[in-house]
Amino acid sequence: WEELAVKLMLKWPGLYYMPSAFAPKYYPEAIIKYANSRGADKIMYAGYYPAGLTLERIFTDMRNVQLKDEVWPKFLRENAIRVFKLDGAV
């Protein structure tokens, strides 16, 4: 399904990916590869807190996610500000 998600994001400009159902160590490899290539503007962080994972667990696992340095700000903040029109967000 990960490859299909990438294909759909390539086709539909308004489609984005948020990995809310996964602990960071289980983020799909196809999504990570896409984010590190031409999909950096199409993914954004979404956690499974407080329903399933603690913030400590999420951010401990996050250290091992293989995103490029320039992708991290987009993944963690910038894409959400743009997509959800949160202009002026601090």
N, C-alpha and C. Protein backbone atom coordinates (compact mmCIF):
# COMPACT_ATOMS: atom_id res chain seq x y z
N TRP A 1 0.80 -1.19 0.00
CA TRP A 1 0.00 0.00 0.00
C TRP A 1 0.85 1.27 0.00
N GLU A 2 2.08 1.16 0.50
CA GLU A 2 2.94 2.34 0.56
C GLU A 2 3.27 2.88 -0.83
N GLU A 3 3.55 1.96 -1.76
CA GLU A 3 3.85 2.39 -3.13
C GLU A 3 2.64 3.07 -3.76
N LEU A 4 1.46 2.54 -3.48
CA LEU A 4 0.23 3.16 -3.99
C LEU A 4 0.05 4.55 -3.39
N ALA A 5 0.33 4.70 -2.11
CA ALA A 5 0.21 6.02 -1.48
C ALA A 5 1.13 7.03 -2.16
N VAL A 6 2.35 6.62 -2.47
CA VAL A 6 3.29 7.51 -3.16
C VAL A 6 2.75 7.88 -4.53
N LYS A 7 2.26 6.91 -5.28
CA LYS A 7 1.70 7.20 -6.61
C LYS A 7 0.53 8.16 -6.53
N LEU A 8 -0.32 7.97 -5.55
CA LEU A 8 -1.47 8.86 -5.40
C LEU A 8 -1.05 10.28 -5.02
N MET A 9 -0.03 10.40 -4.17
CA MET A 9 0.46 11.74 -3.82
C MET A 9 1.09 12.43 -5.02
N LEU A 10 1.71 11.66 -5.90
CA LEU A 10 2.27 12.24 -7.12
C LEU A 10 1.16 12.74 -8.04
N LYS A 11 0.06 12.04 -8.06
CA LYS A 11 -1.04 12.39 -8.96
C LYS A 11 -1.90 13.53 -8.42
N TRP A 12 -2.19 13.51 -7.14
CA TRP A 12 -3.14 14.45 -6.55
C TRP A 12 -2.41 15.49 -5.69
N PRO A 13 -2.37 16.74 -6.13
CA PRO A 13 -1.62 17.77 -5.40
C PRO A 13 -2.13 18.04 -3.98
N GLY A 14 -3.39 17.77 -3.72
CA GLY A 14 -3.95 18.04 -2.40
C GLY A 14 -3.90 16.86 -1.45
N LEU A 15 -3.18 15.81 -1.81
CA LEU A 15 -3.09 14.62 -0.96
C LEU A 15 -1.76 14.62 -0.23
N TYR A 16 -1.81 14.41 1.08
CA TYR A 16 -0.63 14.42 1.93
C TYR A 16 -0.60 13.16 2.78
N TYR A 17 0.57 12.87 3.34
CA TYR A 17 0.74 11.68 4.17
C TYR A 17 1.12 12.10 5.58
N MET A 18 0.42 11.53 6.55
CA MET A 18 0.73 11.75 7.97
C MET A 18 0.80 10.38 8.63
N PRO A 19 1.94 10.03 9.20
CA PRO A 19 2.13 8.67 9.74
C PRO A 19 1.58 8.49 11.15
N SER A 20 0.35 8.87 11.38
CA SER A 20 -0.20 8.85 12.73
C SER A 20 -0.44 7.45 13.28
N ALA A 21 -0.52 6.46 12.44
CA ALA A 21 -0.84 5.11 12.91
C ALA A 21 0.40 4.28 13.24
N PHE A 22 1.58 4.87 13.10
CA PHE A 22 2.81 4.11 13.26
C PHE A 22 3.73 4.73 14.30
N ALA A 23 4.42 3.89 15.04
CA ALA A 23 5.57 4.36 15.81
C ALA A 23 6.65 4.72 14.78
N PRO A 24 7.45 5.74 15.03
CA PRO A 24 8.44 6.16 14.04
C PRO A 24 9.33 5.04 13.51
N LYS A 25 9.67 4.07 14.35
CA LYS A 25 10.55 3.01 13.85
C LYS A 25 9.86 2.13 12.81
N TYR A 26 8.54 2.27 12.65
CA TYR A 26 7.81 1.49 11.66
C TYR A 26 7.33 2.32 10.47
N TYR A 27 7.83 3.56 10.33
CA TYR A 27 7.44 4.35 9.17
C TYR A 27 7.81 3.57 7.91
N PRO A 28 6.92 3.50 6.94
CA PRO A 28 7.19 2.72 5.73
C PRO A 28 8.40 3.26 4.95
N GLU A 29 9.23 2.36 4.50
CA GLU A 29 10.44 2.73 3.77
C GLU A 29 10.12 3.51 2.49
N ALA A 30 9.06 3.12 1.80
CA ALA A 30 8.69 3.82 0.56
C ALA A 30 8.34 5.28 0.84
N ILE A 31 7.72 5.54 1.97
CA ILE A 31 7.36 6.91 2.34
C ILE A 31 8.61 7.71 2.69
N ILE A 32 9.54 7.11 3.40
CA ILE A 32 10.79 7.79 3.75
C ILE A 32 11.57 8.13 2.48
N LYS A 33 11.66 7.18 1.56
CA LYS A 33 12.36 7.44 0.29
C LYS A 33 11.69 8.57 -0.48
N TYR A 34 10.38 8.55 -0.53
CA TYR A 34 9.63 9.60 -1.22
C TYR A 34 9.88 10.96 -0.57
N ALA A 35 9.84 11.00 0.75
CA ALA A 35 10.08 12.26 1.47
C ALA A 35 11.47 12.80 1.19
N ASN A 36 12.44 11.92 1.07
CA ASN A 36 13.82 12.34 0.84
C ASN A 36 14.10 12.69 -0.62
N SER A 37 13.14 12.45 -1.48
CA SER A 37 13.34 12.81 -2.89
C SER A 37 12.40 13.95 -3.23
N ARG A 38 11.34 13.67 -3.95
CA ARG A 38 10.46 14.77 -4.36
C ARG A 38 9.22 14.93 -3.50
N GLY A 39 9.12 14.22 -2.41
CA GLY A 39 7.92 14.31 -1.58
C GLY A 39 8.08 15.06 -0.28
N ALA A 40 9.14 15.83 -0.14
CA ALA A 40 9.38 16.54 1.13
C ALA A 40 8.24 17.48 1.50
N ASP A 41 7.53 17.99 0.51
CA ASP A 41 6.42 18.91 0.79
C ASP A 41 5.09 18.20 0.99
N LYS A 42 5.09 16.87 0.93
CA LYS A 42 3.85 16.11 0.98
C LYS A 42 3.67 15.27 2.24
N ILE A 43 4.63 15.31 3.14
CA ILE A 43 4.50 14.53 4.37
C ILE A 43 4.58 15.47 5.57
N MET A 44 3.88 15.11 6.63
CA MET A 44 3.97 15.90 7.85
C MET A 44 3.74 15.00 9.06
N TYR A 45 4.35 15.39 10.14
CA TYR A 45 4.28 14.60 11.36
C TYR A 45 2.86 14.57 11.91
N ALA A 46 2.48 13.41 12.39
CA ALA A 46 1.27 13.24 13.18
C ALA A 46 1.56 12.10 14.15
N GLY A 47 1.42 12.34 15.41
CA GLY A 47 1.74 11.33 16.40
C GLY A 47 0.51 10.55 16.85
N TYR A 48 0.76 9.53 17.59
CA TYR A 48 -0.30 8.68 18.11
C TYR A 48 -0.39 8.88 19.61
N TYR A 49 -0.23 10.14 20.02
CA TYR A 49 -0.27 10.52 21.43
C TYR A 49 -1.56 11.28 21.69
N PRO A 50 -2.25 11.09 22.73
CA PRO A 50 -2.01 10.21 23.86
C PRO A 50 -2.68 8.85 23.72
N ALA A 51 -3.28 8.59 22.58
CA ALA A 51 -4.07 7.37 22.43
C ALA A 51 -3.24 6.09 22.47
N GLY A 52 -2.01 6.13 22.00
CA GLY A 52 -1.28 4.88 21.92
C GLY A 52 0.16 4.92 22.35
N LEU A 53 0.86 5.99 22.01
CA LEU A 53 2.29 6.07 22.30
C LEU A 53 2.59 7.28 23.16
N THR A 54 3.58 7.15 24.01
CA THR A 54 4.00 8.30 24.80
C THR A 54 4.89 9.20 23.94
N LEU A 55 4.95 10.47 24.30
CA LEU A 55 5.84 11.38 23.57
C LEU A 55 7.29 10.93 23.71
N GLU A 56 7.65 10.41 24.86
CA GLU A 56 9.01 9.91 25.05
C GLU A 56 9.33 8.81 24.04
N ARG A 57 8.43 7.88 23.87
CA ARG A 57 8.63 6.78 22.91
C ARG A 57 8.72 7.33 21.49
N ILE A 58 7.80 8.22 21.13
CA ILE A 58 7.78 8.77 19.78
C ILE A 58 9.10 9.46 19.46
N PHE A 59 9.56 10.34 20.34
CA PHE A 59 10.75 11.12 20.02
C PHE A 59 12.04 10.34 20.24
N THR A 60 12.00 9.29 21.01
CA THR A 60 13.16 8.39 21.08
C THR A 60 13.30 7.64 19.76
N ASP A 61 12.19 7.10 19.26
CA ASP A 61 12.21 6.40 17.98
C ASP A 61 12.53 7.33 16.82
N MET A 62 12.09 8.58 16.92
CA MET A 62 12.24 9.54 15.83
C MET A 62 13.71 9.76 15.46
N ARG A 63 14.61 9.61 16.43
CA ARG A 63 16.05 9.80 16.18
C ARG A 63 16.58 8.88 15.08
N ASN A 64 15.93 7.75 14.90
CA ASN A 64 16.41 6.76 13.93
C ASN A 64 15.71 6.83 12.58
N VAL A 65 14.80 7.76 12.41
CA VAL A 65 14.14 7.92 11.12
C VAL A 65 15.13 8.58 10.16
N GLN A 66 15.30 7.98 9.01
CA GLN A 66 16.35 8.39 8.07
C GLN A 66 15.89 9.48 7.10
N LEU A 67 15.38 10.58 7.63
CA LEU A 67 15.05 11.72 6.78
C LEU A 67 16.28 12.60 6.61
N LYS A 68 16.39 13.22 5.45
CA LYS A 68 17.49 14.16 5.21
C LYS A 68 17.30 15.38 6.12
N ASP A 69 18.41 16.04 6.42
CA ASP A 69 18.37 17.21 7.31
C ASP A 69 17.40 18.27 6.81
N GLU A 70 17.36 18.49 5.51
CA GLU A 70 16.49 19.54 4.97
C GLU A 70 15.01 19.15 4.96
N VAL A 71 14.71 17.88 5.17
CA VAL A 71 13.32 17.41 5.19
C VAL A 71 12.70 17.56 6.58
N TRP A 72 13.51 17.45 7.62
CA TRP A 72 12.98 17.49 8.99
C TRP A 72 12.12 18.71 9.29
N PRO A 73 12.56 19.94 8.99
CA PRO A 73 11.70 21.09 9.31
C PRO A 73 10.36 21.04 8.59
N LYS A 74 10.35 20.57 7.37
CA LYS A 74 9.09 20.45 6.63
C LYS A 74 8.20 19.40 7.27
N PHE A 75 8.78 18.26 7.61
CA PHE A 75 8.04 17.15 8.20
C PHE A 75 7.45 17.54 9.55
N LEU A 76 8.24 18.19 10.38
CA LEU A 76 7.81 18.49 11.74
C LEU A 76 6.96 19.75 11.87
N ARG A 77 7.09 20.71 10.93
CA ARG A 77 6.41 21.98 11.14
C ARG A 77 5.92 22.68 9.88
N GLU A 78 6.82 22.93 8.95
CA GLU A 78 6.53 23.82 7.84
C GLU A 78 5.37 23.35 6.95
N ASN A 79 5.31 22.07 6.66
CA ASN A 79 4.22 21.58 5.81
C ASN A 79 2.86 21.75 6.48
N ALA A 80 2.79 21.49 7.77
CA ALA A 80 1.52 21.65 8.48
C ALA A 80 1.08 23.11 8.48
N ILE A 81 2.01 24.03 8.68
CA ILE A 81 1.68 25.45 8.66
C ILE A 81 1.11 25.84 7.30
N ARG A 82 1.75 25.36 6.24
CA ARG A 82 1.30 25.69 4.88
C ARG A 82 -0.04 25.02 4.56
N VAL A 83 -0.15 23.73 4.80
CA VAL A 83 -1.35 22.97 4.41
C VAL A 83 -2.58 23.41 5.21
N PHE A 84 -2.40 23.62 6.50
CA PHE A 84 -3.53 23.98 7.35
C PHE A 84 -3.71 25.49 7.49
N LYS A 85 -2.92 26.24 6.70
CA LYS A 85 -3.01 27.70 6.67
C LYS A 85 -2.89 28.32 8.07
N LEU A 86 -1.84 27.94 8.74
CA LEU A 86 -1.58 28.42 10.10
C LEU A 86 -0.60 29.58 10.07
N ASP A 87 -0.80 30.51 9.16
CA ASP A 87 0.09 31.67 9.04
C ASP A 87 0.24 32.36 10.38
N GLY A 88 1.45 32.73 10.69
CA GLY A 88 1.71 33.40 11.95
C GLY A 88 1.92 32.45 13.11
N ALA A 89 1.90 31.15 12.84
CA ALA A 89 2.13 30.18 13.92
C ALA A 89 3.56 30.29 14.40
N VAL A 90 3.75 30.19 15.66
CA VAL A 90 5.10 30.30 16.23
C VAL A 90 5.71 28.93 16.34
